[in-house]
Amino acid sequence: MPTLEQLRRQKPLTQRELAETAGVSENTIWVIENGRHGALRPRVIRAIATALGVQPADIDEFRPLLQREQGRLAA
């Protein structure tokens, strides 16, 4: 499963370019790529995935967040 950084570099995009395309801060991209993120809003996850042309579940860092969200919805 590719990481956000791997997908971003394949485009190739800088952190700033991805952030601008996704409508999030450059810091948000940095935090995710460096594993320092907590819970991310679904809108942010979708926006980044859309900017990269992939599904949210295709990004390694988002999989655990999506699984937790699905667990909450099922409960």
N, C-alpha and C. Protein backbone atom coordinates (compact mmCIF):
# COMPACT_ATOMS: atom_id res chain seq x y z
N MET A 1 0.86 -1.18 0.00
CA MET A 1 0.00 0.00 0.00
C MET A 1 0.90 1.24 0.00
N PRO A 2 0.75 2.10 -0.99
CA PRO A 2 1.60 3.29 -1.06
C PRO A 2 1.25 4.31 0.03
N THR A 3 2.27 5.02 0.45
CA THR A 3 2.06 6.10 1.42
C THR A 3 1.67 7.37 0.68
N LEU A 4 1.23 8.34 1.44
CA LEU A 4 0.88 9.63 0.85
C LEU A 4 2.09 10.23 0.14
N GLU A 5 3.24 10.17 0.76
CA GLU A 5 4.44 10.74 0.14
C GLU A 5 4.78 10.04 -1.17
N GLN A 6 4.67 8.73 -1.20
CA GLN A 6 4.96 7.99 -2.43
C GLN A 6 4.01 8.39 -3.55
N LEU A 7 2.72 8.48 -3.23
CA LEU A 7 1.73 8.88 -4.24
C LEU A 7 1.98 10.31 -4.71
N ARG A 8 2.30 11.18 -3.76
CA ARG A 8 2.55 12.59 -4.12
C ARG A 8 3.76 12.70 -5.05
N ARG A 9 4.81 11.97 -4.74
CA ARG A 9 6.03 12.05 -5.56
C ARG A 9 5.84 11.43 -6.94
N GLN A 10 4.92 10.46 -7.05
CA GLN A 10 4.65 9.85 -8.36
C GLN A 10 4.01 10.84 -9.32
N LYS A 11 3.33 11.86 -8.82
CA LYS A 11 2.57 12.78 -9.67
C LYS A 11 3.42 13.62 -10.63
N PRO A 12 4.49 14.22 -10.39
CA PRO A 12 5.13 14.59 -9.12
C PRO A 12 4.60 15.95 -8.64
N LEU A 13 4.33 16.01 -7.35
CA LEU A 13 3.86 17.24 -6.73
C LEU A 13 4.70 17.54 -5.50
N THR A 14 4.87 18.82 -5.20
CA THR A 14 5.47 19.20 -3.93
C THR A 14 4.37 19.15 -2.87
N GLN A 15 4.78 19.22 -1.62
CA GLN A 15 3.78 19.28 -0.55
C GLN A 15 2.89 20.51 -0.74
N ARG A 16 3.48 21.61 -1.12
CA ARG A 16 2.71 22.85 -1.32
C ARG A 16 1.70 22.68 -2.46
N GLU A 17 2.12 22.09 -3.56
CA GLU A 17 1.22 21.91 -4.71
C GLU A 17 0.05 20.99 -4.34
N LEU A 18 0.35 19.91 -3.63
CA LEU A 18 -0.73 19.01 -3.22
C LEU A 18 -1.68 19.72 -2.27
N ALA A 19 -1.12 20.45 -1.33
CA ALA A 19 -1.96 21.18 -0.37
C ALA A 19 -2.88 22.17 -1.09
N GLU A 20 -2.34 22.91 -2.03
CA GLU A 20 -3.15 23.88 -2.78
C GLU A 20 -4.24 23.19 -3.58
N THR A 21 -3.90 22.09 -4.23
CA THR A 21 -4.87 21.36 -5.03
C THR A 21 -5.99 20.78 -4.16
N ALA A 22 -5.61 20.28 -2.97
CA ALA A 22 -6.58 19.66 -2.07
C ALA A 22 -7.33 20.68 -1.21
N GLY A 23 -6.84 21.89 -1.16
CA GLY A 23 -7.48 22.91 -0.33
C GLY A 23 -7.21 22.72 1.16
N VAL A 24 -6.02 22.22 1.47
CA VAL A 24 -5.61 22.06 2.87
C VAL A 24 -4.28 22.80 3.05
N SER A 25 -3.82 22.89 4.27
CA SER A 25 -2.54 23.58 4.50
C SER A 25 -1.36 22.67 4.16
N GLU A 26 -0.26 23.30 3.82
CA GLU A 26 0.96 22.54 3.57
C GLU A 26 1.37 21.78 4.84
N ASN A 27 1.13 22.39 5.99
CA ASN A 27 1.44 21.74 7.26
C ASN A 27 0.65 20.44 7.42
N THR A 28 -0.59 20.42 6.98
CA THR A 28 -1.40 19.21 7.06
C THR A 28 -0.74 18.08 6.29
N ILE A 29 -0.26 18.36 5.09
CA ILE A 29 0.41 17.34 4.29
C ILE A 29 1.68 16.87 5.01
N TRP A 30 2.46 17.81 5.53
CA TRP A 30 3.70 17.47 6.23
C TRP A 30 3.41 16.58 7.44
N VAL A 31 2.42 16.95 8.22
CA VAL A 31 2.07 16.20 9.43
C VAL A 31 1.67 14.76 9.08
N ILE A 32 0.87 14.60 8.04
CA ILE A 32 0.44 13.26 7.63
C ILE A 32 1.64 12.45 7.16
N GLU A 33 2.45 13.03 6.30
CA GLU A 33 3.60 12.31 5.76
C GLU A 33 4.61 11.93 6.83
N ASN A 34 4.66 12.68 7.90
CA ASN A 34 5.62 12.40 8.97
C ASN A 34 5.01 11.63 10.14
N GLY A 35 3.79 11.14 9.95
CA GLY A 35 3.15 10.28 10.94
C GLY A 35 2.79 10.96 12.24
N ARG A 36 2.57 12.25 12.18
CA ARG A 36 2.26 13.00 13.40
C ARG A 36 0.82 13.47 13.46
N HIS A 37 -0.01 12.88 12.65
CA HIS A 37 -1.41 13.31 12.62
C HIS A 37 -2.23 12.51 13.63
N GLY A 38 -3.26 13.14 14.11
CA GLY A 38 -4.24 12.45 14.94
C GLY A 38 -5.42 12.12 14.04
N ALA A 39 -6.58 12.40 14.52
CA ALA A 39 -7.78 12.18 13.72
C ALA A 39 -7.84 13.25 12.63
N LEU A 40 -8.16 12.82 11.44
CA LEU A 40 -8.33 13.75 10.32
C LEU A 40 -9.80 13.80 9.96
N ARG A 41 -10.25 14.95 9.57
CA ARG A 41 -11.64 15.09 9.16
C ARG A 41 -11.87 14.36 7.84
N PRO A 42 -13.03 13.74 7.69
CA PRO A 42 -13.33 13.04 6.44
C PRO A 42 -13.16 13.93 5.21
N ARG A 43 -13.51 15.20 5.33
CA ARG A 43 -13.36 16.12 4.20
C ARG A 43 -11.90 16.24 3.77
N VAL A 44 -10.99 16.29 4.73
CA VAL A 44 -9.56 16.41 4.43
C VAL A 44 -9.08 15.14 3.73
N ILE A 45 -9.47 13.99 4.25
CA ILE A 45 -9.09 12.71 3.67
C ILE A 45 -9.56 12.63 2.22
N ARG A 46 -10.83 12.96 1.99
CA ARG A 46 -11.39 12.91 0.63
C ARG A 46 -10.70 13.90 -0.30
N ALA A 47 -10.44 15.10 0.19
CA ALA A 47 -9.82 16.14 -0.65
C ALA A 47 -8.42 15.74 -1.09
N ILE A 48 -7.65 15.19 -0.18
CA ILE A 48 -6.28 14.77 -0.53
C ILE A 48 -6.33 13.61 -1.51
N ALA A 49 -7.17 12.64 -1.25
CA ALA A 49 -7.28 11.49 -2.16
C ALA A 49 -7.73 11.94 -3.54
N THR A 50 -8.71 12.82 -3.61
CA THR A 50 -9.20 13.32 -4.89
C THR A 50 -8.09 14.06 -5.64
N ALA A 51 -7.33 14.87 -4.92
CA ALA A 51 -6.23 15.62 -5.55
C ALA A 51 -5.18 14.68 -6.14
N LEU A 52 -5.04 13.50 -5.55
CA LEU A 52 -4.08 12.52 -6.05
C LEU A 52 -4.69 11.55 -7.07
N GLY A 53 -6.02 11.61 -7.22
CA GLY A 53 -6.70 10.73 -8.18
C GLY A 53 -6.82 9.30 -7.70
N VAL A 54 -6.92 9.13 -6.36
CA VAL A 54 -7.07 7.78 -5.80
C VAL A 54 -8.22 7.77 -4.80
N GLN A 55 -8.57 6.59 -4.34
CA GLN A 55 -9.57 6.45 -3.29
C GLN A 55 -8.88 6.64 -1.93
N PRO A 56 -9.58 7.14 -0.92
CA PRO A 56 -8.95 7.31 0.39
C PRO A 56 -8.30 6.02 0.93
N ALA A 57 -8.94 4.89 0.70
CA ALA A 57 -8.40 3.62 1.20
C ALA A 57 -7.12 3.19 0.49
N ASP A 58 -6.78 3.86 -0.61
CA ASP A 58 -5.55 3.55 -1.34
C ASP A 58 -4.32 4.21 -0.72
N ILE A 59 -4.51 5.05 0.28
CA ILE A 59 -3.41 5.76 0.93
C ILE A 59 -3.16 5.12 2.29
N ASP A 60 -1.96 4.60 2.46
CA ASP A 60 -1.61 3.82 3.64
C ASP A 60 -1.98 4.52 4.95
N GLU A 61 -1.66 5.79 5.09
CA GLU A 61 -1.91 6.50 6.35
C GLU A 61 -3.40 6.64 6.66
N PHE A 62 -4.25 6.57 5.65
CA PHE A 62 -5.69 6.77 5.87
C PHE A 62 -6.42 5.48 6.23
N ARG A 63 -5.86 4.33 5.93
CA ARG A 63 -6.56 3.06 6.17
C ARG A 63 -6.99 2.88 7.63
N PRO A 64 -6.10 3.07 8.61
CA PRO A 64 -6.54 2.90 10.00
C PRO A 64 -7.64 3.88 10.39
N LEU A 65 -7.55 5.11 9.89
CA LEU A 65 -8.58 6.11 10.21
C LEU A 65 -9.92 5.70 9.63
N LEU A 66 -9.92 5.19 8.42
CA LEU A 66 -11.16 4.77 7.76
C LEU A 66 -11.75 3.56 8.46
N GLN A 67 -10.91 2.64 8.92
CA GLN A 67 -11.39 1.46 9.62
C GLN A 67 -12.03 1.84 10.95
N ARG A 68 -11.43 2.79 11.67
CA ARG A 68 -12.02 3.25 12.94
C ARG A 68 -13.36 3.91 12.68
N GLU A 69 -13.43 4.72 11.63
CA GLU A 69 -14.68 5.41 11.29
C GLU A 69 -15.78 4.41 10.95
N GLN A 70 -15.45 3.38 10.20
CA GLN A 70 -16.43 2.35 9.86
C GLN A 70 -16.90 1.62 11.11
N GLY A 71 -15.98 1.38 12.05
CA GLY A 71 -16.35 0.73 13.31
C GLY A 71 -17.32 1.57 14.11
N ARG A 72 -17.12 2.87 14.12
CA ARG A 72 -18.03 3.77 14.83
C ARG A 72 -19.41 3.78 14.18
N LEU A 73 -19.44 3.75 12.88
CA LEU A 73 -20.72 3.76 12.17
C LEU A 73 -21.49 2.46 12.37
N ALA A 74 -20.76 1.35 12.50
CA ALA A 74 -21.41 0.05 12.67
C ALA A 74 -21.93 -0.15 14.09
N ALA A 75 -21.37 0.57 15.06
CA ALA A 75 -21.74 0.38 16.46
C ALA A 75 -23.10 0.98 16.77
